[in-house]
Amino acid sequence: MSKSGKKPEGVEAHYNTLIQPVITEKSTIAAENNQVVFMTPLEATKPEISEAVEALFKVKVKAVNTLRVKGKTKQFRGRPYTRSTVKKAIVTLEEGHAIDVTTGL
């Protein structure tokens, strides 16, 4: 949300919905099955994520699955801290569509 309390509209809202792509070994294997993984805000819904991917990458989305990863309690130099809770979206694309997340927008 912006400082005025209103939700952003248009392209800005799409950029706020998809924070960053997740590039891990598991997400690379998922790319072989026409799936792309994105980090999203905790408040983002499946329809919002689907709309943002279709608008920004000009592809057709087949399905969106989301999961919340709880923040772990860790230690750094003996001092405890907690990682942030994040939401991941696994976006399945229609056949014939692809996104190359390594090139950026």
PDB file of N, CA and C in Angstrom:
ATOM      1  N   MET A   1       0.834  -1.178   0.000  1.00  0.00           N
ATOM      2  CA  MET A   1       0.000   0.000   0.000  1.00  0.00           C
ATOM      3  C   MET A   1       0.879   1.242   0.000  1.00  0.00           C
ATOM      4  N   SER A   2       0.365   2.289  -0.602  1.00  0.00           N
ATOM      5  CA  SER A   2       1.106   3.537  -0.629  1.00  0.00           C
ATOM      6  C   SER A   2       0.871   4.316   0.661  1.00  0.00           C
ATOM      7  N   LYS A   3       1.536   5.468   0.788  1.00  0.00           N
ATOM      8  CA  LYS A   3       1.442   6.260   2.011  1.00  0.00           C
ATOM      9  C   LYS A   3       0.031   6.794   2.259  1.00  0.00           C
ATOM     10  N   SER A   4      -0.722   7.023   1.182  1.00  0.00           N
ATOM     11  CA  SER A   4      -2.067   7.566   1.332  1.00  0.00           C
ATOM     12  C   SER A   4      -3.079   6.512   1.769  1.00  0.00           C
ATOM     13  N   GLY A   5      -2.671   5.231   1.815  1.00  0.00           N
ATOM     14  CA  GLY A   5      -3.572   4.177   2.257  1.00  0.00           C
ATOM     15  C   GLY A   5      -4.338   3.511   1.137  1.00  0.00           C
ATOM     16  N   LYS A   6      -4.218   4.030  -0.095  1.00  0.00           N
ATOM     17  CA  LYS A   6      -4.897   3.424  -1.232  1.00  0.00           C
ATOM     18  C   LYS A   6      -3.989   2.393  -1.876  1.00  0.00           C
ATOM     19  N   LYS A   7      -4.621   1.359  -2.462  1.00  0.00           N
ATOM     20  CA  LYS A   7      -3.835   0.375  -3.201  1.00  0.00           C
ATOM     21  C   LYS A   7      -3.402   0.985  -4.524  1.00  0.00           C
ATOM     22  N   PRO A   8      -2.146   0.699  -4.966  1.00  0.00           N
ATOM     23  CA  PRO A   8      -1.718   1.211  -6.263  1.00  0.00           C
ATOM     24  C   PRO A   8      -2.503   0.535  -7.387  1.00  0.00           C
ATOM     25  N   GLU A   9      -2.626   1.236  -8.496  1.00  0.00           N
ATOM     26  CA  GLU A   9      -3.383   0.712  -9.623  1.00  0.00           C
ATOM     27  C   GLU A   9      -2.473   0.541 -10.827  1.00  0.00           C
ATOM     28  N   GLY A  10      -2.899  -0.291 -11.760  1.00  0.00           N
ATOM     29  CA  GLY A  10      -2.191  -0.456 -13.023  1.00  0.00           C
ATOM     30  C   GLY A  10      -0.916  -1.252 -12.887  1.00  0.00           C
ATOM     31  N   VAL A  11       0.081  -0.837 -13.665  1.00  0.00           N
ATOM     32  CA  VAL A  11       1.342  -1.574 -13.741  1.00  0.00           C
ATOM     33  C   VAL A  11       2.070  -1.560 -12.400  1.00  0.00           C
ATOM     34  N   GLU A  12       1.978  -0.469 -11.663  1.00  0.00           N
ATOM     35  CA  GLU A  12       2.647  -0.382 -10.365  1.00  0.00           C
ATOM     36  C   GLU A  12       2.146  -1.471  -9.417  1.00  0.00           C
ATOM     37  N   ALA A  13       0.860  -1.758  -9.454  1.00  0.00           N
ATOM     38  CA  ALA A  13       0.290  -2.809  -8.607  1.00  0.00           C
ATOM     39  C   ALA A  13       0.846  -4.172  -8.997  1.00  0.00           C
ATOM     40  N   HIS A  14       1.065  -4.400 -10.301  1.00  0.00           N
ATOM     41  CA  HIS A  14       1.623  -5.673 -10.751  1.00  0.00           C
ATOM     42  C   HIS A  14       3.058  -5.838 -10.281  1.00  0.00           C
ATOM     43  N   TYR A  15       3.839  -4.756 -10.341  1.00  0.00           N
ATOM     44  CA  TYR A  15       5.219  -4.827  -9.868  1.00  0.00           C
ATOM     45  C   TYR A  15       5.277  -5.040  -8.352  1.00  0.00           C
ATOM     46  N   ASN A  16       4.301  -4.519  -7.616  1.00  0.00           N
ATOM     47  CA  ASN A  16       4.251  -4.725  -6.168  1.00  0.00           C
ATOM     48  C   ASN A  16       3.777  -6.125  -5.814  1.00  0.00           C
ATOM     49  N   THR A  17       3.050  -6.790  -6.708  1.00  0.00           N
ATOM     50  CA  THR A  17       2.543  -8.135  -6.446  1.00  0.00           C
ATOM     51  C   THR A  17       3.648  -9.179  -6.587  1.00  0.00           C
ATOM     52  N   LEU A  18       4.539  -8.999  -7.547  1.00  0.00           N
ATOM     53  CA  LEU A  18       5.651  -9.943  -7.748  1.00  0.00           C
ATOM     54  C   LEU A  18       6.932  -9.287  -7.242  1.00  0.00           C
ATOM     55  N   ILE A  19       7.406  -9.717  -6.081  1.00  0.00           N
ATOM     56  CA  ILE A  19       8.585  -9.098  -5.488  1.00  0.00           C
ATOM     57  C   ILE A  19       9.848  -9.518  -6.236  1.00  0.00           C
ATOM     58  N   GLN A  20      10.055 -10.834  -6.378  1.00  0.00           N
ATOM     59  CA  GLN A  20      11.238 -11.325  -7.066  1.00  0.00           C
ATOM     60  C   GLN A  20      11.038 -12.781  -7.444  1.00  0.00           C
ATOM     61  N   PRO A  21      11.729 -13.243  -8.471  1.00  0.00           N
ATOM     62  CA  PRO A  21      11.668 -14.669  -8.779  1.00  0.00           C
ATOM     63  C   PRO A  21      12.529 -15.448  -7.791  1.00  0.00           C
ATOM     64  N   VAL A  22      12.161 -16.688  -7.533  1.00  0.00           N
ATOM     65  CA  VAL A  22      12.939 -17.551  -6.658  1.00  0.00           C
ATOM     66  C   VAL A  22      13.787 -18.440  -7.557  1.00  0.00           C
ATOM     67  N   ILE A  23      15.113 -18.322  -7.422  1.00  0.00           N
ATOM     68  CA  ILE A  23      16.020 -19.112  -8.251  1.00  0.00           C
ATOM     69  C   ILE A  23      16.739 -20.099  -7.341  1.00  0.00           C
ATOM     70  N   THR A  24      16.219 -21.312  -7.285  1.00  0.00           N
ATOM     71  CA  THR A  24      16.828 -22.377  -6.499  1.00  0.00           C
ATOM     72  C   THR A  24      16.889 -23.621  -7.375  1.00  0.00           C
ATOM     73  N   GLU A  25      17.518 -24.643  -6.852  1.00  0.00           N
ATOM     74  CA  GLU A  25      17.590 -25.892  -7.601  1.00  0.00           C
ATOM     75  C   GLU A  25      16.191 -26.455  -7.836  1.00  0.00           C
ATOM     76  N   LYS A  26      15.349 -26.374  -6.817  1.00  0.00           N
ATOM     77  CA  LYS A  26      13.991 -26.911  -6.928  1.00  0.00           C
ATOM     78  C   LYS A  26      13.152 -26.110  -7.934  1.00  0.00           C
ATOM     79  N   SER A  27      13.289 -24.787  -7.940  1.00  0.00           N
ATOM     80  CA  SER A  27      12.515 -23.981  -8.885  1.00  0.00           C
ATOM     81  C   SER A  27      13.021 -24.165 -10.320  1.00  0.00           C
ATOM     82  N   THR A  28      14.300 -24.477 -10.481  1.00  0.00           N
ATOM     83  CA  THR A  28      14.844 -24.751 -11.807  1.00  0.00           C
ATOM     84  C   THR A  28      14.282 -26.056 -12.359  1.00  0.00           C
ATOM     85  N   ILE A  29      14.128 -27.053 -11.487  1.00  0.00           N
ATOM     86  CA  ILE A  29      13.520 -28.314 -11.907  1.00  0.00           C
ATOM     87  C   ILE A  29      12.048 -28.091 -12.264  1.00  0.00           C
ATOM     88  N   ALA A  30      11.359 -27.220 -11.507  1.00  0.00           N
ATOM     89  CA  ALA A  30       9.956 -26.918 -11.791  1.00  0.00           C
ATOM     90  C   ALA A  30       9.804 -26.211 -13.131  1.00  0.00           C
ATOM     91  N   ALA A  31      10.832 -25.465 -13.560  1.00  0.00           N
ATOM     92  CA  ALA A  31      10.771 -24.749 -14.839  1.00  0.00           C
ATOM     93  C   ALA A  31      10.634 -25.718 -16.006  1.00  0.00           C
ATOM     94  N   GLU A  32      11.100 -26.958 -15.832  1.00  0.00           N
ATOM     95  CA  GLU A  32      10.955 -27.957 -16.889  1.00  0.00           C
ATOM     96  C   GLU A  32       9.497 -28.360 -17.085  1.00  0.00           C
ATOM     97  N   ASN A  33       8.659 -28.139 -16.057  1.00  0.00           N
ATOM     98  CA  ASN A  33       7.236 -28.460 -16.125  1.00  0.00           C
ATOM     99  C   ASN A  33       6.377 -27.218 -16.351  1.00  0.00           C
ATOM    100  N   ASN A  34       6.951 -26.177 -16.991  1.00  0.00           N
ATOM    101  CA  ASN A  34       6.242 -24.920 -17.252  1.00  0.00           C
ATOM    102  C   ASN A  34       5.799 -24.224 -15.971  1.00  0.00           C
ATOM    103  N   GLN A  35       6.614 -24.273 -14.922  1.00  0.00           N
ATOM    104  CA  GLN A  35       6.290 -23.594 -13.667  1.00  0.00           C
ATOM    105  C   GLN A  35       7.369 -22.571 -13.338  1.00  0.00           C
ATOM    106  N   VAL A  36       6.935 -21.443 -12.775  1.00  0.00           N
ATOM    107  CA  VAL A  36       7.850 -20.395 -12.347  1.00  0.00           C
ATOM    108  C   VAL A  36       7.489 -20.051 -10.912  1.00  0.00           C
ATOM    109  N   VAL A  37       8.492 -19.785 -10.061  1.00  0.00           N
ATOM    110  CA  VAL A  37       8.252 -19.493  -8.649  1.00  0.00           C
ATOM    111  C   VAL A  37       8.608 -18.031  -8.382  1.00  0.00           C
ATOM    112  N   PHE A  38       7.684 -17.314  -7.718  1.00  0.00           N
ATOM    113  CA  PHE A  38       7.889 -15.911  -7.367  1.00  0.00           C
ATOM    114  C   PHE A  38       7.682 -15.707  -5.876  1.00  0.00           C
ATOM    115  N   MET A  39       8.392 -14.741  -5.297  1.00  0.00           N
ATOM    116  CA  MET A  39       8.154 -14.259  -3.952  1.00  0.00           C
ATOM    117  C   MET A  39       7.071 -13.189  -4.065  1.00  0.00           C
ATOM    118  N   THR A  40       6.066 -13.239  -3.189  1.00  0.00           N
ATOM    119  CA  THR A  40       4.971 -12.274  -3.235  1.00  0.00           C
ATOM    120  C   THR A  40       4.694 -11.739  -1.832  1.00  0.00           C
ATOM    121  N   PRO A  41       3.971 -10.623  -1.715  1.00  0.00           N
ATOM    122  CA  PRO A  41       3.585 -10.144  -0.390  1.00  0.00           C
ATOM    123  C   PRO A  41       2.623 -11.124   0.279  1.00  0.00           C
ATOM    124  N   LEU A  42       2.573 -11.118   1.593  1.00  0.00           N
ATOM    125  CA  LEU A  42       1.700 -12.027   2.330  1.00  0.00           C
ATOM    126  C   LEU A  42       0.231 -11.784   2.016  1.00  0.00           C
ATOM    127  N   GLU A  43      -0.129 -10.568   1.604  1.00  0.00           N
ATOM    128  CA  GLU A  43      -1.529 -10.220   1.342  1.00  0.00           C
ATOM    129  C   GLU A  43      -1.970 -10.551  -0.078  1.00  0.00           C
ATOM    130  N   ALA A  44      -1.045 -10.932  -0.960  1.00  0.00           N
ATOM    131  CA  ALA A  44      -1.381 -11.168  -2.368  1.00  0.00           C
ATOM    132  C   ALA A  44      -2.277 -12.395  -2.514  1.00  0.00           C
ATOM    133  N   THR A  45      -3.282 -12.278  -3.384  1.00  0.00           N
ATOM    134  CA  THR A  45      -4.195 -13.389  -3.637  1.00  0.00           C
ATOM    135  C   THR A  45      -3.830 -14.065  -4.952  1.00  0.00           C
ATOM    136  N   LYS A  46      -4.360 -15.274  -5.165  1.00  0.00           N
ATOM    137  CA  LYS A  46      -4.074 -16.008  -6.395  1.00  0.00           C
ATOM    138  C   LYS A  46      -4.523 -15.258  -7.649  1.00  0.00           C
ATOM    139  N   PRO A  47      -5.738 -14.669  -7.672  1.00  0.00           N
ATOM    140  CA  PRO A  47      -6.130 -13.913  -8.868  1.00  0.00           C
ATOM    141  C   PRO A  47      -5.223 -12.712  -9.144  1.00  0.00           C
ATOM    142  N   GLU A  48      -4.770 -12.021  -8.089  1.00  0.00           N
ATOM    143  CA  GLU A  48      -3.860 -10.889  -8.271  1.00  0.00           C
ATOM    144  C   GLU A  48      -2.529 -11.342  -8.857  1.00  0.00           C
ATOM    145  N   ILE A  49      -2.007 -12.464  -8.362  1.00  0.00           N
ATOM    146  CA  ILE A  49      -0.735 -12.990  -8.849  1.00  0.00           C
ATOM    147  C   ILE A  49      -0.864 -13.401 -10.308  1.00  0.00           C
ATOM    148  N   SER A  50      -1.946 -14.090 -10.647  1.00  0.00           N
ATOM    149  CA  SER A  50      -2.179 -14.525 -12.016  1.00  0.00           C
ATOM    150  C   SER A  50      -2.266 -13.333 -12.963  1.00  0.00           C
ATOM    151  N   GLU A  51      -3.000 -12.315 -12.567  1.00  0.00           N
ATOM    152  CA  GLU A  51      -3.167 -11.114 -13.389  1.00  0.00           C
ATOM    153  C   GLU A  51      -1.833 -10.398 -13.586  1.00  0.00           C
ATOM    154  N   ALA A  52      -1.019 -10.318 -12.529  1.00  0.00           N
ATOM    155  CA  ALA A  52       0.276  -9.639 -12.617  1.00  0.00           C
ATOM    156  C   ALA A  52       1.220 -10.369 -13.561  1.00  0.00           C
ATOM    157  N   VAL A  53       1.279 -11.700 -13.483  1.00  0.00           N
ATOM    158  CA  VAL A  53       2.167 -12.474 -14.358  1.00  0.00           C
ATOM    159  C   VAL A  53       1.729 -12.328 -15.808  1.00  0.00           C
ATOM    160  N   GLU A  54       0.420 -12.410 -16.061  1.00  0.00           N
ATOM    161  CA  GLU A  54      -0.073 -12.277 -17.431  1.00  0.00           C
ATOM    162  C   GLU A  54       0.210 -10.888 -17.997  1.00  0.00           C
ATOM    163  N   ALA A  55       0.067  -9.847 -17.178  1.00  0.00           N
ATOM    164  CA  ALA A  55       0.269  -8.480 -17.654  1.00  0.00           C
ATOM    165  C   ALA A  55       1.747  -8.158 -17.874  1.00  0.00           C
ATOM    166  N   LEU A  56       2.616  -8.592 -16.967  1.00  0.00           N
ATOM    167  CA  LEU A  56       4.022  -8.219 -17.060  1.00  0.00           C
ATOM    168  C   LEU A  56       4.806  -9.060 -18.063  1.00  0.00           C
ATOM    169  N   PHE A  57       4.479 -10.348 -18.177  1.00  0.00           N
ATOM    170  CA  PHE A  57       5.266 -11.235 -19.026  1.00  0.00           C
ATOM    171  C   PHE A  57       4.555 -11.628 -20.322  1.00  0.00           C
ATOM    172  N   LYS A  58       3.312 -11.186 -20.512  1.00  0.00           N
ATOM    173  CA  LYS A  58       2.536 -11.483 -21.735  1.00  0.00           C
ATOM    174  C   LYS A  58       2.446 -12.990 -21.991  1.00  0.00           C
ATOM    175  N   VAL A  59       2.083 -13.751 -20.948  1.00  0.00           N
ATOM    176  CA  VAL A  59       1.910 -15.202 -21.049  1.00  0.00           C
ATOM    177  C   VAL A  59       0.535 -15.567 -20.513  1.00  0.00           C
ATOM    178  N   LYS A  60       0.115 -16.793 -20.738  1.00  0.00           N
ATOM    179  CA  LYS A  60      -1.177 -17.290 -20.249  1.00  0.00           C
ATOM    180  C   LYS A  60      -0.919 -18.198 -19.050  1.00  0.00           C
ATOM    181  N   VAL A  61      -1.573 -17.891 -17.918  1.00  0.00           N
ATOM    182  CA  VAL A  61      -1.398 -18.651 -16.682  1.00  0.00           C
ATOM    183  C   VAL A  61      -2.457 -19.739 -16.599  1.00  0.00           C
ATOM    184  N   LYS A  62      -2.023 -20.952 -16.299  1.00  0.00           N
ATOM    185  CA  LYS A  62      -2.930 -22.079 -16.153  1.00  0.00           C
ATOM    186  C   LYS A  62      -3.408 -22.205 -14.712  1.00  0.00           C
ATOM    187  N   ALA A  63      -2.482 -22.102 -13.727  1.00  0.00           N
ATOM    188  CA  ALA A  63      -2.835 -22.243 -12.316  1.00  0.00           C
ATOM    189  C   ALA A  63      -1.813 -21.517 -11.453  1.00  0.00           C
ATOM    190  N   VAL A  64      -2.250 -21.165 -10.240  1.00  0.00           N
ATOM    191  CA  VAL A  64      -1.364 -20.547  -9.255  1.00  0.00           C
ATOM    192  C   VAL A  64      -1.529 -21.290  -7.939  1.00  0.00           C
ATOM    193  N   ASN A  65      -0.428 -21.764  -7.385  1.00  0.00           N
ATOM    194  CA  ASN A  65      -0.413 -22.375  -6.050  1.00  0.00           C
ATOM    195  C   ASN A  65       0.444 -21.494  -5.153  1.00  0.00           C
ATOM    196  N   THR A  66      -0.018 -21.263  -3.925  1.00  0.00           N
ATOM    197  CA  THR A  66       0.731 -20.419  -3.004  1.00  0.00           C
ATOM    198  C   THR A  66       1.067 -21.185  -1.740  1.00  0.00           C
ATOM    199  N   LEU A  67       2.153 -20.746  -1.083  1.00  0.00           N
ATOM    200  CA  LEU A  67       2.518 -21.313   0.201  1.00  0.00           C
ATOM    201  C   LEU A  67       3.223 -20.254   1.030  1.00  0.00           C
ATOM    202  N   ARG A  68       2.982 -20.329   2.333  1.00  0.00           N
ATOM    203  CA  ARG A  68       3.620 -19.414   3.269  1.00  0.00           C
ATOM    204  C   ARG A  68       4.756 -20.154   3.952  1.00  0.00           C
ATOM    205  N   VAL A  69       5.939 -19.559   3.924  1.00  0.00           N
ATOM    206  CA  VAL A  69       7.107 -20.140   4.579  1.00  0.00           C
ATOM    207  C   VAL A  69       7.334 -19.360   5.864  1.00  0.00           C
ATOM    208  N   LYS A  70       7.119 -20.016   6.996  1.00  0.00           N
ATOM    209  CA  LYS A  70       7.282 -19.364   8.299  1.00  0.00           C
ATOM    210  C   LYS A  70       8.741 -19.002   8.526  1.00  0.00           C
ATOM    211  N   GLY A  71       8.974 -17.858   9.151  1.00  0.00           N
ATOM    212  CA  GLY A  71      10.330 -17.418   9.444  1.00  0.00           C
ATOM    213  C   GLY A  71      10.976 -18.283  10.511  1.00  0.00           C
ATOM    214  N   LYS A  72      12.202 -18.710  10.257  1.00  0.00           N
ATOM    215  CA  LYS A  72      12.926 -19.542  11.209  1.00  0.00           C
ATOM    216  C   LYS A  72      13.636 -18.682  12.240  1.00  0.00           C
ATOM    217  N   THR A  73      13.839 -19.243  13.432  1.00  0.00           N
ATOM    218  CA  THR A  73      14.659 -18.600  14.441  1.00  0.00           C
ATOM    219  C   THR A  73      16.087 -19.064  14.224  1.00  0.00           C
ATOM    220  N   LYS A  74      16.999 -18.126  14.019  1.00  0.00           N
ATOM    221  CA  LYS A  74      18.396 -18.437  13.726  1.00  0.00           C
ATOM    222  C   LYS A  74      19.289 -17.690  14.707  1.00  0.00           C
ATOM    223  N   GLN A  75      20.589 -17.938  14.613  1.00  0.00           N
ATOM    224  CA  GLN A  75      21.560 -17.216  15.430  1.00  0.00           C
ATOM    225  C   GLN A  75      22.692 -16.740  14.546  1.00  0.00           C
ATOM    226  N   PHE A  76      23.161 -15.527  14.807  1.00  0.00           N
ATOM    227  CA  PHE A  76      24.310 -14.976  14.125  1.00  0.00           C
ATOM    228  C   PHE A  76      25.233 -14.416  15.190  1.00  0.00           C
ATOM    229  N   ARG A  77      26.425 -14.983  15.305  1.00  0.00           N
ATOM    230  CA  ARG A  77      27.395 -14.598  16.329  1.00  0.00           C
ATOM    231  C   ARG A  77      26.788 -14.651  17.725  1.00  0.00           C
ATOM    232  N   GLY A  78      25.970 -15.676  17.960  1.00  0.00           N
ATOM    233  CA  GLY A  78      25.386 -15.885  19.278  1.00  0.00           C
ATOM    234  C   GLY A  78      24.129 -15.082  19.558  1.00  0.00           C
ATOM    235  N   ARG A  79      23.767 -14.196  18.650  1.00  0.00           N
ATOM    236  CA  ARG A  79      22.567 -13.371  18.859  1.00  0.00           C
ATOM    237  C   ARG A  79      21.404 -13.957  18.076  1.00  0.00           C
ATOM    238  N   PRO A  80      20.296 -14.237  18.733  1.00  0.00           N
ATOM    239  CA  PRO A  80      19.145 -14.806  18.017  1.00  0.00           C
ATOM    240  C   PRO A  80      18.403 -13.753  17.195  1.00  0.00           C
ATOM    241  N   TYR A  81      17.859 -14.184  16.094  1.00  0.00           N
ATOM    242  CA  TYR A  81      16.995 -13.343  15.268  1.00  0.00           C
ATOM    243  C   TYR A  81      16.024 -14.247  14.546  1.00  0.00           C
ATOM    244  N   THR A  82      14.973 -13.669  13.971  1.00  0.00           N
ATOM    245  CA  THR A  82      13.971 -14.440  13.255  1.00  0.00           C
ATOM    246  C   THR A  82      13.905 -13.961  11.809  1.00  0.00           C
ATOM    247  N   ARG A  83      13.975 -14.903  10.879  1.00  0.00           N
ATOM    248  CA  ARG A  83      13.795 -14.566   9.474  1.00  0.00           C
ATOM    249  C   ARG A  83      12.345 -14.161   9.233  1.00  0.00           C
ATOM    250  N   SER A  84      12.122 -13.392   8.201  1.00  0.00           N
ATOM    251  CA  SER A  84      10.766 -12.946   7.877  1.00  0.00           C
ATOM    252  C   SER A  84       9.948 -14.094   7.297  1.00  0.00           C
ATOM    253  N   THR A  85       8.652 -14.074   7.576  1.00  0.00           N
ATOM    254  CA  THR A  85       7.728 -15.000   6.931  1.00  0.00           C
ATOM    255  C   THR A  85       7.491 -14.490   5.518  1.00  0.00           C
ATOM    256  N   VAL A  86       7.562 -15.396   4.532  1.00  0.00           N
ATOM    257  CA  VAL A  86       7.392 -15.001   3.135  1.00  0.00           C
ATOM    258  C   VAL A  86       6.326 -15.873   2.484  1.00  0.00           C
ATOM    259  N   LYS A  87       5.800 -15.393   1.376  1.00  0.00           N
ATOM    260  CA  LYS A  87       4.819 -16.149   0.603  1.00  0.00           C
ATOM    261  C   LYS A  87       5.414 -16.416  -0.773  1.00  0.00           C
ATOM    262  N   LYS A  88       5.336 -17.674  -1.203  1.00  0.00           N
ATOM    263  CA  LYS A  88       5.816 -18.054  -2.525  1.00  0.00           C
ATOM    264  C   LYS A  88       4.620 -18.412  -3.394  1.00  0.00           C
ATOM    265  N   ALA A  89       4.704 -18.073  -4.666  1.00  0.00           N
ATOM    266  CA  ALA A  89       3.661 -18.424  -5.625  1.00  0.00           C
ATOM    267  C   ALA A  89       4.290 -19.279  -6.716  1.00  0.00           C
ATOM    268  N   ILE A  90       3.753 -20.479  -6.895  1.00  0.00           N
ATOM    269  CA  ILE A  90       4.195 -21.355  -7.964  1.00  0.00           C
ATOM    270  C   ILE A  90       3.180 -21.196  -9.099  1.00  0.00           C
ATOM    271  N   VAL A  91       3.623 -20.575 -10.180  1.00  0.00           N
ATOM    272  CA  VAL A  91       2.747 -20.245 -11.309  1.00  0.00           C
ATOM    273  C   VAL A  91       2.967 -21.266 -12.422  1.00  0.00           C
ATOM    274  N   THR A  92       1.909 -21.984 -12.783  1.00  0.00           N
ATOM    275  CA  THR A  92       1.961 -22.934 -13.888  1.00  0.00           C
ATOM    276  C   THR A  92       1.466 -22.240 -15.145  1.00  0.00           C
ATOM    277  N   LEU A  93       2.263 -22.309 -16.204  1.00  0.00           N
ATOM    278  CA  LEU A  93       1.933 -21.641 -17.458  1.00  0.00           C
ATOM    279  C   LEU A  93       1.297 -22.624 -18.433  1.00  0.00           C
ATOM    280  N   GLU A  94       0.507 -22.083 -19.368  1.00  0.00           N
ATOM    281  CA  GLU A  94      -0.096 -22.897 -20.419  1.00  0.00           C
ATOM    282  C   GLU A  94       1.004 -23.443 -21.327  1.00  0.00           C
ATOM    283  N   GLU A  95       0.697 -24.528 -22.044  1.00  0.00           N
ATOM    284  CA  GLU A  95       1.657 -25.108 -22.986  1.00  0.00           C
ATOM    285  C   GLU A  95       2.044 -24.074 -24.042  1.00  0.00           C
ATOM    286  N   GLY A  96       3.314 -24.027 -24.380  1.00  0.00           N
ATOM    287  CA  GLY A  96       3.793 -23.102 -25.399  1.00  0.00           C
ATOM    288  C   GLY A  96       4.219 -21.754 -24.847  1.00  0.00           C
ATOM    289  N   HIS A  97       3.959 -21.462 -23.597  1.00  0.00           N
ATOM    290  CA  HIS A  97       4.353 -20.212 -22.972  1.00  0.00           C
ATOM    291  C   HIS A  97       5.537 -20.464 -22.046  1.00  0.00           C
ATOM    292  N   ALA A  98       6.440 -19.482 -21.951  1.00  0.00           N
ATOM    293  CA  ALA A  98       7.604 -19.626 -21.084  1.00  0.00           C
ATOM    294  C   ALA A  98       8.049 -18.254 -20.599  1.00  0.00           C
ATOM    295  N   ILE A  99       8.691 -18.233 -19.447  1.00  0.00           N
ATOM    296  CA  ILE A  99       9.263 -17.003 -18.876  1.00  0.00           C
ATOM    297  C   ILE A  99      10.716 -17.307 -18.564  1.00  0.00           C
ATOM    298  N   ASP A 100      11.623 -16.416 -19.036  1.00  0.00           N
ATOM    299  CA  ASP A 100      13.027 -16.550 -18.689  1.00  0.00           C
ATOM    300  C   ASP A 100      13.316 -15.545 -17.573  1.00  0.00           C
ATOM    301  N   VAL A 101      13.313 -16.007 -16.322  1.00  0.00           N
ATOM    302  CA  VAL A 101      13.455 -15.112 -15.174  1.00  0.00           C
ATOM    303  C   VAL A 101      14.866 -14.590 -15.015  1.00  0.00           C
ATOM    304  N   THR A 102      15.837 -15.148 -15.693  1.00  0.00           N
ATOM    305  CA  THR A 102      17.218 -14.699 -15.546  1.00  0.00           C
ATOM    306  C   THR A 102      17.479 -13.398 -16.306  1.00  0.00           C
ATOM    307  N   THR A 103      16.627 -13.024 -17.263  1.00  0.00           N
ATOM    308  CA  THR A 103      16.864 -11.810 -18.047  1.00  0.00           C
ATOM    309  C   THR A 103      16.244 -10.574 -17.412  1.00  0.00           C
ATOM    310  N   GLY A 104      15.261 -10.729 -16.523  1.00  0.00           N
ATOM    311  CA  GLY A 104      14.593  -9.574 -15.927  1.00  0.00           C
ATOM    312  C   GLY A 104      13.502  -9.048 -16.832  1.00  0.00           C
ATOM    313  N   LEU A 105      12.939  -7.887 -16.429  1.00  0.00           N
ATOM    314  CA  LEU A 105      11.849  -7.317 -17.216  1.00  0.00           C
ATOM    315  C   LEU A 105      12.372  -6.326 -18.219  1.00  0.00           C
TER     316      LEU A 105
END
